[in-house]
Amino acid sequence: MSQVRASHILVKHRGSRRPSSWKEQEVTRTREEAIQILEGIQQRLANGEDFAQIASVESHCSSAKRGGDLGMFGPGQMMRPFEEATYALNVGEVSGIVETDSGVHLIMRTA
């Protein structure tokens, strides 16, 4: 398998492996609340808002400062659910909600 490039929007919840981020000192929301936030973001994307702009404000990952861009990666470099979701996308497509130990994500494959 070749390398891919992706951007993502991560929303952490209190069950995340590290429930803190640049956005919040202590994340207290439930998993269900995190999913609801991403569902709202899915609607914003459907209405034409820009993925990178949303990621820069909403994502709990430090990649937010790059519009969610994670750069190029290959097999085995990301958590399995994240990797499988990314490789299943066509370039330009956005995933459904993907759960990992880090939280819940929306992923956009960019290359």
PDB file of N, CA and C in Angstrom:
ATOM      1  N   MET A   1       0.836  -1.190   0.000  1.00  0.00           N
ATOM      2  CA  MET A   1       0.000   0.000   0.000  1.00  0.00           C
ATOM      3  C   MET A   1       0.875   1.244   0.000  1.00  0.00           C
ATOM      4  N   SER A   2       0.474   2.214  -0.762  1.00  0.00           N
ATOM      5  CA  SER A   2       1.225   3.456  -0.829  1.00  0.00           C
ATOM      6  C   SER A   2       0.798   4.396   0.292  1.00  0.00           C
ATOM      7  N   GLN A   3       1.460   5.517   0.350  1.00  0.00           N
ATOM      8  CA  GLN A   3       1.120   6.514   1.366  1.00  0.00           C
ATOM      9  C   GLN A   3      -0.098   7.326   0.951  1.00  0.00           C
ATOM     10  N   VAL A   4      -0.764   7.870   1.944  1.00  0.00           N
ATOM     11  CA  VAL A   4      -1.908   8.748   1.732  1.00  0.00           C
ATOM     12  C   VAL A   4      -1.657  10.027   2.516  1.00  0.00           C
ATOM     13  N   ARG A   5      -2.478  11.017   2.243  1.00  0.00           N
ATOM     14  CA  ARG A   5      -2.441  12.255   3.024  1.00  0.00           C
ATOM     15  C   ARG A   5      -3.856  12.541   3.469  1.00  0.00           C
ATOM     16  N   ALA A   6      -4.000  13.001   4.694  1.00  0.00           N
ATOM     17  CA  ALA A   6      -5.330  13.270   5.228  1.00  0.00           C
ATOM     18  C   ALA A   6      -5.296  14.437   6.196  1.00  0.00           C
ATOM     19  N   SER A   7      -6.465  15.031   6.337  1.00  0.00           N
ATOM     20  CA  SER A   7      -6.720  16.030   7.374  1.00  0.00           C
ATOM     21  C   SER A   7      -7.833  15.478   8.245  1.00  0.00           C
ATOM     22  N   HIS A   8      -7.907  15.943   9.472  1.00  0.00           N
ATOM     23  CA  HIS A   8      -8.987  15.453  10.329  1.00  0.00           C
ATOM     24  C   HIS A   8      -9.442  16.518  11.302  1.00  0.00           C
ATOM     25  N   ILE A   9     -10.615  16.252  11.849  1.00  0.00           N
ATOM     26  CA  ILE A   9     -11.169  17.041  12.943  1.00  0.00           C
ATOM     27  C   ILE A   9     -11.367  16.057  14.080  1.00  0.00           C
ATOM     28  N   LEU A  10     -10.675  16.286  15.170  1.00  0.00           N
ATOM     29  CA  LEU A  10     -10.752  15.422  16.352  1.00  0.00           C
ATOM     30  C   LEU A  10     -11.555  16.126  17.434  1.00  0.00           C
ATOM     31  N   VAL A  11     -12.515  15.408  18.001  1.00  0.00           N
ATOM     32  CA  VAL A  11     -13.209  15.895  19.190  1.00  0.00           C
ATOM     33  C   VAL A  11     -12.953  14.866  20.292  1.00  0.00           C
ATOM     34  N   LYS A  12     -12.309  15.319  21.340  1.00  0.00           N
ATOM     35  CA  LYS A  12     -12.011  14.443  22.468  1.00  0.00           C
ATOM     36  C   LYS A  12     -13.205  14.387  23.419  1.00  0.00           C
ATOM     37  N   HIS A  13     -13.223  13.323  24.215  1.00  0.00           N
ATOM     38  CA  HIS A  13     -14.232  13.179  25.269  1.00  0.00           C
ATOM     39  C   HIS A  13     -13.529  12.651  26.508  1.00  0.00           C
ATOM     40  N   ARG A  14     -14.241  12.582  27.606  1.00  0.00           N
ATOM     41  CA  ARG A  14     -13.584  12.223  28.871  1.00  0.00           C
ATOM     42  C   ARG A  14     -13.028  10.805  28.866  1.00  0.00           C
ATOM     43  N   GLY A  15     -13.463   9.954  27.936  1.00  0.00           N
ATOM     44  CA  GLY A  15     -12.915   8.609  27.808  1.00  0.00           C
ATOM     45  C   GLY A  15     -11.714   8.523  26.884  1.00  0.00           C
ATOM     46  N   SER A  16     -11.305   9.653  26.297  1.00  0.00           N
ATOM     47  CA  SER A  16     -10.137   9.676  25.414  1.00  0.00           C
ATOM     48  C   SER A  16      -8.887   9.349  26.219  1.00  0.00           C
ATOM     49  N   ARG A  17      -7.891   8.804  25.533  1.00  0.00           N
ATOM     50  CA  ARG A  17      -6.679   8.396  26.267  1.00  0.00           C
ATOM     51  C   ARG A  17      -5.961   9.571  26.908  1.00  0.00           C
ATOM     52  N   ARG A  18      -6.107  10.773  26.364  1.00  0.00           N
ATOM     53  CA  ARG A  18      -5.525  11.982  26.970  1.00  0.00           C
ATOM     54  C   ARG A  18      -6.579  13.073  26.894  1.00  0.00           C
ATOM     55  N   PRO A  19      -7.464  13.151  27.895  1.00  0.00           N
ATOM     56  CA  PRO A  19      -8.604  14.072  27.825  1.00  0.00           C
ATOM     57  C   PRO A  19      -8.256  15.537  28.118  1.00  0.00           C
ATOM     58  N   SER A  20      -7.315  16.065  27.325  1.00  0.00           N
ATOM     59  CA  SER A  20      -6.987  17.491  27.365  1.00  0.00           C
ATOM     60  C   SER A  20      -6.423  17.839  25.995  1.00  0.00           C
ATOM     61  N   SER A  21      -6.433  19.121  25.670  1.00  0.00           N
ATOM     62  CA  SER A  21      -5.919  19.543  24.371  1.00  0.00           C
ATOM     63  C   SER A  21      -5.587  21.017  24.415  1.00  0.00           C
ATOM     64  N   TRP A  22      -5.109  21.530  23.274  1.00  0.00           N
ATOM     65  CA  TRP A  22      -4.830  22.962  23.163  1.00  0.00           C
ATOM     66  C   TRP A  22      -6.101  23.772  23.367  1.00  0.00           C
ATOM     67  N   LYS A  23      -7.251  23.180  23.099  1.00  0.00           N
ATOM     68  CA  LYS A  23      -8.539  23.875  23.217  1.00  0.00           C
ATOM     69  C   LYS A  23      -9.082  23.860  24.638  1.00  0.00           C
ATOM     70  N   GLU A  24      -8.863  22.761  25.320  1.00  0.00           N
ATOM     71  CA  GLU A  24      -9.449  22.582  26.653  1.00  0.00           C
ATOM     72  C   GLU A  24      -8.435  21.934  27.587  1.00  0.00           C
ATOM     73  N   GLN A  25      -8.266  22.550  28.751  1.00  0.00           N
ATOM     74  CA  GLN A  25      -7.362  22.007  29.765  1.00  0.00           C
ATOM     75  C   GLN A  25      -7.827  20.621  30.217  1.00  0.00           C
ATOM     76  N   GLU A  26      -9.122  20.502  30.451  1.00  0.00           N
ATOM     77  CA  GLU A  26      -9.700  19.230  30.887  1.00  0.00           C
ATOM     78  C   GLU A  26     -10.991  18.995  30.101  1.00  0.00           C
ATOM     79  N   VAL A  27     -11.014  17.905  29.354  1.00  0.00           N
ATOM     80  CA  VAL A  27     -12.181  17.566  28.550  1.00  0.00           C
ATOM     81  C   VAL A  27     -13.149  16.769  29.427  1.00  0.00           C
ATOM     82  N   THR A  28     -14.368  17.255  29.554  1.00  0.00           N
ATOM     83  CA  THR A  28     -15.347  16.599  30.431  1.00  0.00           C
ATOM     84  C   THR A  28     -16.564  16.064  29.673  1.00  0.00           C
ATOM     85  N   ARG A  29     -16.659  16.353  28.361  1.00  0.00           N
ATOM     86  CA  ARG A  29     -17.849  15.907  27.611  1.00  0.00           C
ATOM     87  C   ARG A  29     -17.868  14.384  27.488  1.00  0.00           C
ATOM     88  N   THR A  30     -19.062  13.852  27.310  1.00  0.00           N
ATOM     89  CA  THR A  30     -19.218  12.412  27.107  1.00  0.00           C
ATOM     90  C   THR A  30     -18.899  12.064  25.650  1.00  0.00           C
ATOM     91  N   ARG A  31     -18.738  10.787  25.390  1.00  0.00           N
ATOM     92  CA  ARG A  31     -18.537  10.296  24.026  1.00  0.00           C
ATOM     93  C   ARG A  31     -19.722  10.712  23.154  1.00  0.00           C
ATOM     94  N   GLU A  32     -20.917  10.578  23.708  1.00  0.00           N
ATOM     95  CA  GLU A  32     -22.123  10.922  22.958  1.00  0.00           C
ATOM     96  C   GLU A  32     -22.149  12.414  22.607  1.00  0.00           C
ATOM     97  N   GLU A  33     -21.721  13.262  23.535  1.00  0.00           N
ATOM     98  CA  GLU A  33     -21.664  14.704  23.263  1.00  0.00           C
ATOM     99  C   GLU A  33     -20.631  15.006  22.181  1.00  0.00           C
ATOM    100  N   ALA A  34     -19.505  14.291  22.208  1.00  0.00           N
ATOM    101  CA  ALA A  34     -18.478  14.484  21.175  1.00  0.00           C
ATOM    102  C   ALA A  34     -19.024  14.099  19.806  1.00  0.00           C
ATOM    103  N   ILE A  35     -19.760  13.006  19.751  1.00  0.00           N
ATOM    104  CA  ILE A  35     -20.369  12.581  18.484  1.00  0.00           C
ATOM    105  C   ILE A  35     -21.372  13.622  18.004  1.00  0.00           C
ATOM    106  N   GLN A  36     -22.145  14.183  18.918  1.00  0.00           N
ATOM    107  CA  GLN A  36     -23.109  15.227  18.536  1.00  0.00           C
ATOM    108  C   GLN A  36     -22.400  16.443  17.942  1.00  0.00           C
ATOM    109  N   ILE A  37     -21.253  16.802  18.490  1.00  0.00           N
ATOM    110  CA  ILE A  37     -20.483  17.922  17.949  1.00  0.00           C
ATOM    111  C   ILE A  37     -20.077  17.607  16.511  1.00  0.00           C
ATOM    112  N   LEU A  38     -19.571  16.378  16.281  1.00  0.00           N
ATOM    113  CA  LEU A  38     -19.173  16.020  14.919  1.00  0.00           C
ATOM    114  C   LEU A  38     -20.363  15.961  13.977  1.00  0.00           C
ATOM    115  N   GLU A  39     -21.509  15.541  14.472  1.00  0.00           N
ATOM    116  CA  GLU A  39     -22.704  15.528  13.624  1.00  0.00           C
ATOM    117  C   GLU A  39     -23.055  16.948  13.187  1.00  0.00           C
ATOM    118  N   GLY A  40     -22.883  17.904  14.072  1.00  0.00           N
ATOM    119  CA  GLY A  40     -23.097  19.304  13.716  1.00  0.00           C
ATOM    120  C   GLY A  40     -22.089  19.776  12.684  1.00  0.00           C
ATOM    121  N   ILE A  41     -20.867  19.330  12.829  1.00  0.00           N
ATOM    122  CA  ILE A  41     -19.821  19.686  11.857  1.00  0.00           C
ATOM    123  C   ILE A  41     -20.120  19.042  10.506  1.00  0.00           C
ATOM    124  N   GLN A  42     -20.620  17.811  10.507  1.00  0.00           N
ATOM    125  CA  GLN A  42     -21.009  17.171   9.240  1.00  0.00           C
ATOM    126  C   GLN A  42     -22.049  18.020   8.516  1.00  0.00           C
ATOM    127  N   GLN A  43     -22.974  18.579   9.252  1.00  0.00           N
ATOM    128  CA  GLN A  43     -24.006  19.421   8.649  1.00  0.00           C
ATOM    129  C   GLN A  43     -23.386  20.697   8.081  1.00  0.00           C
ATOM    130  N   ARG A  44     -22.460  21.274   8.812  1.00  0.00           N
ATOM    131  CA  ARG A  44     -21.773  22.476   8.321  1.00  0.00           C
ATOM    132  C   ARG A  44     -21.018  22.179   7.031  1.00  0.00           C
ATOM    133  N   LEU A  45     -20.364  21.014   6.961  1.00  0.00           N
ATOM    134  CA  LEU A  45     -19.657  20.626   5.740  1.00  0.00           C
ATOM    135  C   LEU A  45     -20.648  20.430   4.596  1.00  0.00           C
ATOM    136  N   ALA A  46     -21.785  19.798   4.878  1.00  0.00           N
ATOM    137  CA  ALA A  46     -22.818  19.587   3.863  1.00  0.00           C
ATOM    138  C   ALA A  46     -23.353  20.919   3.337  1.00  0.00           C
ATOM    139  N   ASN A  47     -23.306  21.946   4.182  1.00  0.00           N
ATOM    140  CA  ASN A  47     -23.764  23.280   3.789  1.00  0.00           C
ATOM    141  C   ASN A  47     -22.680  24.083   3.081  1.00  0.00           C
ATOM    142  N   GLY A  48     -21.529  23.455   2.842  1.00  0.00           N
ATOM    143  CA  GLY A  48     -20.487  24.090   2.056  1.00  0.00           C
ATOM    144  C   GLY A  48     -19.358  24.747   2.815  1.00  0.00           C
ATOM    145  N   GLU A  49     -19.341  24.625   4.145  1.00  0.00           N
ATOM    146  CA  GLU A  49     -18.226  25.227   4.890  1.00  0.00           C
ATOM    147  C   GLU A  49     -16.934  24.466   4.594  1.00  0.00           C
ATOM    148  N   ASP A  50     -15.821  25.149   4.719  1.00  0.00           N
ATOM    149  CA  ASP A  50     -14.506  24.603   4.401  1.00  0.00           C
ATOM    150  C   ASP A  50     -13.973  23.716   5.535  1.00  0.00           C
ATOM    151  N   PHE A  51     -13.545  22.504   5.171  1.00  0.00           N
ATOM    152  CA  PHE A  51     -13.040  21.537   6.153  1.00  0.00           C
ATOM    153  C   PHE A  51     -11.882  22.137   6.954  1.00  0.00           C
ATOM    154  N   ALA A  52     -10.902  22.702   6.261  1.00  0.00           N
ATOM    155  CA  ALA A  52      -9.716  23.223   6.949  1.00  0.00           C
ATOM    156  C   ALA A  52     -10.062  24.366   7.894  1.00  0.00           C
ATOM    157  N   GLN A  53     -10.986  25.217   7.493  1.00  0.00           N
ATOM    158  CA  GLN A  53     -11.376  26.319   8.376  1.00  0.00           C
ATOM    159  C   GLN A  53     -12.061  25.795   9.632  1.00  0.00           C
ATOM    160  N   ILE A  54     -12.932  24.813   9.467  1.00  0.00           N
ATOM    161  CA  ILE A  54     -13.598  24.223  10.639  1.00  0.00           C
ATOM    162  C   ILE A  54     -12.562  23.549  11.529  1.00  0.00           C
ATOM    163  N   ALA A  55     -11.670  22.769  10.919  1.00  0.00           N
ATOM    164  CA  ALA A  55     -10.646  22.055  11.696  1.00  0.00           C
ATOM    165  C   ALA A  55      -9.793  23.023  12.502  1.00  0.00           C
ATOM    166  N   SER A  56      -9.454  24.163  11.921  1.00  0.00           N
ATOM    167  CA  SER A  56      -8.559  25.108  12.607  1.00  0.00           C
ATOM    168  C   SER A  56      -9.178  25.668  13.881  1.00  0.00           C
ATOM    169  N   VAL A  57     -10.504  25.627  13.972  1.00  0.00           N
ATOM    170  CA  VAL A  57     -11.204  26.169  15.138  1.00  0.00           C
ATOM    171  C   VAL A  57     -11.731  25.062  16.056  1.00  0.00           C
ATOM    172  N   GLU A  58     -12.197  23.963  15.483  1.00  0.00           N
ATOM    173  CA  GLU A  58     -12.919  22.952  16.244  1.00  0.00           C
ATOM    174  C   GLU A  58     -12.101  21.737  16.667  1.00  0.00           C
ATOM    175  N   SER A  59     -11.029  21.419  15.945  1.00  0.00           N
ATOM    176  CA  SER A  59     -10.296  20.186  16.231  1.00  0.00           C
ATOM    177  C   SER A  59      -9.464  20.301  17.500  1.00  0.00           C
ATOM    178  N   HIS A  60      -9.439  19.229  18.272  1.00  0.00           N
ATOM    179  CA  HIS A  60      -8.635  19.182  19.494  1.00  0.00           C
ATOM    180  C   HIS A  60      -7.206  18.745  19.231  1.00  0.00           C
ATOM    181  N   CYS A  61      -6.887  18.386  17.999  1.00  0.00           N
ATOM    182  CA  CYS A  61      -5.537  17.954  17.645  1.00  0.00           C
ATOM    183  C   CYS A  61      -4.669  19.179  17.374  1.00  0.00           C
ATOM    184  N   SER A  62      -3.385  19.067  17.652  1.00  0.00           N
ATOM    185  CA  SER A  62      -2.472  20.175  17.361  1.00  0.00           C
ATOM    186  C   SER A  62      -2.387  20.441  15.863  1.00  0.00           C
ATOM    187  N   SER A  63      -2.834  19.495  15.030  1.00  0.00           N
ATOM    188  CA  SER A  63      -2.866  19.720  13.580  1.00  0.00           C
ATOM    189  C   SER A  63      -3.869  20.803  13.209  1.00  0.00           C
ATOM    190  N   ALA A  64      -4.682  21.252  14.150  1.00  0.00           N
ATOM    191  CA  ALA A  64      -5.660  22.321  13.882  1.00  0.00           C
ATOM    192  C   ALA A  64      -4.962  23.554  13.304  1.00  0.00           C
ATOM    193  N   LYS A  65      -3.746  23.823  13.768  1.00  0.00           N
ATOM    194  CA  LYS A  65      -3.032  25.013  13.269  1.00  0.00           C
ATOM    195  C   LYS A  65      -2.656  24.880  11.798  1.00  0.00           C
ATOM    196  N   ARG A  66      -2.771  23.656  11.247  1.00  0.00           N
ATOM    197  CA  ARG A  66      -2.531  23.407   9.819  1.00  0.00           C
ATOM    198  C   ARG A  66      -3.837  23.026   9.121  1.00  0.00           C
ATOM    199  N   GLY A  67      -4.958  23.437   9.674  1.00  0.00           N
ATOM    200  CA  GLY A  67      -6.251  23.101   9.083  1.00  0.00           C
ATOM    201  C   GLY A  67      -6.574  21.620   9.178  1.00  0.00           C
ATOM    202  N   GLY A  68      -5.969  20.954  10.159  1.00  0.00           N
ATOM    203  CA  GLY A  68      -6.206  19.530  10.356  1.00  0.00           C
ATOM    204  C   GLY A  68      -5.277  18.620   9.576  1.00  0.00           C
ATOM    205  N   ASP A  69      -4.359  19.197   8.791  1.00  0.00           N
ATOM    206  CA  ASP A  69      -3.484  18.401   7.918  1.00  0.00           C
ATOM    207  C   ASP A  69      -2.500  17.564   8.729  1.00  0.00           C
ATOM    208  N   LEU A  70      -2.527  16.255   8.477  1.00  0.00           N
ATOM    209  CA  LEU A  70      -1.615  15.323   9.149  1.00  0.00           C
ATOM    210  C   LEU A  70      -0.417  14.965   8.284  1.00  0.00           C
ATOM    211  N   GLY A  71      -0.389  15.457   7.048  1.00  0.00           N
ATOM    212  CA  GLY A  71       0.710  15.118   6.148  1.00  0.00           C
ATOM    213  C   GLY A  71       0.560  13.707   5.596  1.00  0.00           C
ATOM    214  N   MET A  72       1.624  13.239   4.977  1.00  0.00           N
ATOM    215  CA  MET A  72       1.622  11.902   4.369  1.00  0.00           C
ATOM    216  C   MET A  72       1.872  10.846   5.450  1.00  0.00           C
ATOM    217  N   PHE A  73       1.211   9.700   5.294  1.00  0.00           N
ATOM    218  CA  PHE A  73       1.490   8.572   6.174  1.00  0.00           C
ATOM    219  C   PHE A  73       1.188   7.278   5.440  1.00  0.00           C
ATOM    220  N   GLY A  74       1.799   6.227   5.930  1.00  0.00           N
ATOM    221  CA  GLY A  74       1.625   4.916   5.319  1.00  0.00           C
ATOM    222  C   GLY A  74       1.037   3.922   6.301  1.00  0.00           C
ATOM    223  N   PRO A  75       0.887   2.687   5.852  1.00  0.00           N
ATOM    224  CA  PRO A  75       0.320   1.644   6.702  1.00  0.00           C
ATOM    225  C   PRO A  75       1.102   1.503   8.017  1.00  0.00           C
ATOM    226  N   GLY A  76       0.337   1.364   9.118  1.00  0.00           N
ATOM    227  CA  GLY A  76       0.945   1.143  10.423  1.00  0.00           C
ATOM    228  C   GLY A  76       1.347   2.410  11.157  1.00  0.00           C
ATOM    229  N   GLN A  77       1.152   3.579  10.559  1.00  0.00           N
ATOM    230  CA  GLN A  77       1.573   4.816  11.216  1.00  0.00           C
ATOM    231  C   GLN A  77       0.467   5.475  12.030  1.00  0.00           C
ATOM    232  N   MET A  78      -0.771   5.121  11.764  1.00  0.00           N
ATOM    233  CA  MET A  78      -1.910   5.676  12.495  1.00  0.00           C
ATOM    234  C   MET A  78      -2.649   4.534  13.195  1.00  0.00           C
ATOM    235  N   MET A  79      -3.519   4.881  14.137  1.00  0.00           N
ATOM    236  CA  MET A  79      -4.337   3.851  14.768  1.00  0.00           C
ATOM    237  C   MET A  79      -5.167   3.151  13.700  1.00  0.00           C
ATOM    238  N   ARG A  80      -5.354   1.849  13.868  1.00  0.00           N
ATOM    239  CA  ARG A  80      -5.983   1.035  12.831  1.00  0.00           C
ATOM    240  C   ARG A  80      -7.326   1.589  12.325  1.00  0.00           C
ATOM    241  N   PRO A  81      -8.278   1.970  13.206  1.00  0.00           N
ATOM    242  CA  PRO A  81      -9.556   2.473  12.676  1.00  0.00           C
ATOM    243  C   PRO A  81      -9.366   3.723  11.813  1.00  0.00           C
ATOM    244  N   PHE A  82      -8.432   4.580  12.208  1.00  0.00           N
ATOM    245  CA  PHE A  82      -8.159   5.806  11.465  1.00  0.00           C
ATOM    246  C   PHE A  82      -7.553   5.461  10.110  1.00  0.00           C
ATOM    247  N   GLU A  83      -6.580   4.584  10.121  1.00  0.00           N
ATOM    248  CA  GLU A  83      -5.918   4.166   8.884  1.00  0.00           C
ATOM    249  C   GLU A  83      -6.908   3.504   7.928  1.00  0.00           C
ATOM    250  N   GLU A  84      -7.703   2.578   8.431  1.00  0.00           N
ATOM    251  CA  GLU A  84      -8.656   1.868   7.576  1.00  0.00           C
ATOM    252  C   GLU A  84      -9.663   2.834   6.962  1.00  0.00           C
ATOM    253  N   ALA A  85     -10.144   3.783   7.745  1.00  0.00           N
ATOM    254  CA  ALA A  85     -11.105   4.760   7.227  1.00  0.00           C
ATOM    255  C   ALA A  85     -10.466   5.629   6.147  1.00  0.00           C
ATOM    256  N   THR A  86      -9.222   6.045   6.373  1.00  0.00           N
ATOM    257  CA  THR A  86      -8.549   6.913   5.407  1.00  0.00           C
ATOM    258  C   THR A  86      -8.319   6.189   4.088  1.00  0.00           C
ATOM    259  N   TYR A  87      -7.814   4.971   4.144  1.00  0.00           N
ATOM    260  CA  TYR A  87      -7.538   4.220   2.925  1.00  0.00           C
ATOM    261  C   TYR A  87      -8.823   3.865   2.175  1.00  0.00           C
ATOM    262  N   ALA A  88      -9.955   3.821   2.854  1.00  0.00           N
ATOM    263  CA  ALA A  88     -11.227   3.497   2.203  1.00  0.00           C
ATOM    264  C   ALA A  88     -11.809   4.689   1.446  1.00  0.00           C
ATOM    265  N   LEU A  89     -11.298   5.887   1.725  1.00  0.00           N
ATOM    266  CA  LEU A  89     -11.815   7.104   1.086  1.00  0.00           C
ATOM    267  C   LEU A  89     -11.140   7.348  -0.259  1.00  0.00           C
ATOM    268  N   ASN A  90     -11.856   7.991  -1.150  1.00  0.00           N
ATOM    269  CA  ASN A  90     -11.254   8.556  -2.350  1.00  0.00           C
ATOM    270  C   ASN A  90     -10.759   9.952  -2.001  1.00  0.00           C
ATOM    271  N   VAL A  91      -9.800  10.451  -2.759  1.00  0.00           N
ATOM    272  CA  VAL A  91      -9.281  11.789  -2.521  1.00  0.00           C
ATOM    273  C   VAL A  91     -10.436  12.789  -2.595  1.00  0.00           C
ATOM    274  N   GLY A  92     -10.518  13.646  -1.578  1.00  0.00           N
ATOM    275  CA  GLY A  92     -11.572  14.654  -1.506  1.00  0.00           C
ATOM    276  C   GLY A  92     -12.788  14.231  -0.715  1.00  0.00           C
ATOM    277  N   GLU A  93     -12.885  12.944  -0.395  1.00  0.00           N
ATOM    278  CA  GLU A  93     -14.032  12.455   0.380  1.00  0.00           C
ATOM    279  C   GLU A  93     -13.798  12.641   1.876  1.00  0.00           C
ATOM    280  N   VAL A  94     -14.901  12.783   2.604  1.00  0.00           N
ATOM    281  CA  VAL A  94     -14.862  12.904   4.060  1.00  0.00           C
ATOM    282  C   VAL A  94     -15.534  11.666   4.644  1.00  0.00           C
ATOM    283  N   SER A  95     -14.922  11.121   5.668  1.00  0.00           N
ATOM    284  CA  SER A  95     -15.438   9.913   6.322  1.00  0.00           C
ATOM    285  C   SER A  95     -16.688  10.212   7.135  1.00  0.00           C
ATOM    286  N   GLY A  96     -17.330   9.151   7.554  1.00  0.00           N
ATOM    287  CA  GLY A  96     -18.288   9.252   8.633  1.00  0.00           C
ATOM    288  C   GLY A  96     -17.501   9.395   9.927  1.00  0.00           C
ATOM    289  N   ILE A  97     -18.175   9.298  11.044  1.00  0.00           N
ATOM    290  CA  ILE A  97     -17.505   9.432  12.335  1.00  0.00           C
ATOM    291  C   ILE A  97     -16.680   8.181  12.610  1.00  0.00           C
ATOM    292  N   VAL A  98     -15.403   8.392  12.938  1.00  0.00           N
ATOM    293  CA  VAL A  98     -14.456   7.313  13.199  1.00  0.00           C
ATOM    294  C   VAL A  98     -14.013   7.424  14.650  1.00  0.00           C
ATOM    295  N   GLU A  99     -14.085   6.311  15.374  1.00  0.00           N
ATOM    296  CA  GLU A  99     -13.670   6.303  16.781  1.00  0.00           C
ATOM    297  C   GLU A  99     -12.295   5.675  16.945  1.00  0.00           C
ATOM    298  N   THR A 100     -11.443   6.338  17.723  1.00  0.00           N
ATOM    299  CA  THR A 100     -10.148   5.790  18.114  1.00  0.00           C
ATOM    300  C   THR A 100      -9.962   6.056  19.603  1.00  0.00           C
ATOM    301  N   ASP A 101      -8.836   5.608  20.139  1.00  0.00           N
ATOM    302  CA  ASP A 101      -8.522   5.877  21.549  1.00  0.00           C
ATOM    303  C   ASP A 101      -8.357   7.375  21.812  1.00  0.00           C
ATOM    304  N   SER A 102      -8.084   8.148  20.765  1.00  0.00           N
ATOM    305  CA  SER A 102      -7.897   9.593  20.927  1.00  0.00           C
ATOM    306  C   SER A 102      -9.207  10.351  21.045  1.00  0.00           C
ATOM    307  N   GLY A 103     -10.291   9.787  20.497  1.00  0.00           N
ATOM    308  CA  GLY A 103     -11.584  10.455  20.494  1.00  0.00           C
ATOM    309  C   GLY A 103     -12.339  10.087  19.235  1.00  0.00           C
ATOM    310  N   VAL A 104     -13.151  11.015  18.752  1.00  0.00           N
ATOM    311  CA  VAL A 104     -13.921  10.783  17.529  1.00  0.00           C
ATOM    312  C   VAL A 104     -13.458  11.773  16.459  1.00  0.00           C
ATOM    313  N   HIS A 105     -13.427  11.302  15.220  1.00  0.00           N
ATOM    314  CA  HIS A 105     -12.835  12.067  14.128  1.00  0.00           C
ATOM    315  C   HIS A 105     -13.755  12.122  12.918  1.00  0.00           C
ATOM    316  N   LEU A 106     -13.581  13.170  12.133  1.00  0.00           N
ATOM    317  CA  LEU A 106     -13.975  13.209  10.734  1.00  0.00           C
ATOM    318  C   LEU A 106     -12.667  13.315   9.970  1.00  0.00           C
ATOM    319  N   ILE A 107     -12.523  12.517   8.934  1.00  0.00           N
ATOM    320  CA  ILE A 107     -11.265  12.455   8.176  1.00  0.00           C
ATOM    321  C   ILE A 107     -11.541  12.829   6.733  1.00  0.00           C
ATOM    322  N   MET A 108     -10.688  13.673   6.181  1.00  0.00           N
ATOM    323  CA  MET A 108     -10.765  13.985   4.756  1.00  0.00           C
ATOM    324  C   MET A 108      -9.454  13.539   4.105  1.00  0.00           C
ATOM    325  N   ARG A 109      -9.588  12.637   3.130  1.00  0.00           N
ATOM    326  CA  ARG A 109      -8.387  12.205   2.401  1.00  0.00           C
ATOM    327  C   ARG A 109      -8.042  13.271   1.379  1.00  0.00           C
ATOM    328  N   THR A 110      -6.794  13.715   1.404  1.00  0.00           N
ATOM    329  CA  THR A 110      -6.368  14.797   0.523  1.00  0.00           C
ATOM    330  C   THR A 110      -5.381  14.345  -0.547  1.00  0.00           C
ATOM    331  N   ALA A 111      -4.813  13.155  -0.430  1.00  0.00           N
ATOM    332  CA  ALA A 111      -3.923  12.606  -1.461  1.00  0.00           C
ATOM    333  C   ALA A 111      -3.781  11.109  -1.268  1.00  0.00           C
TER     334      ALA A 111
END
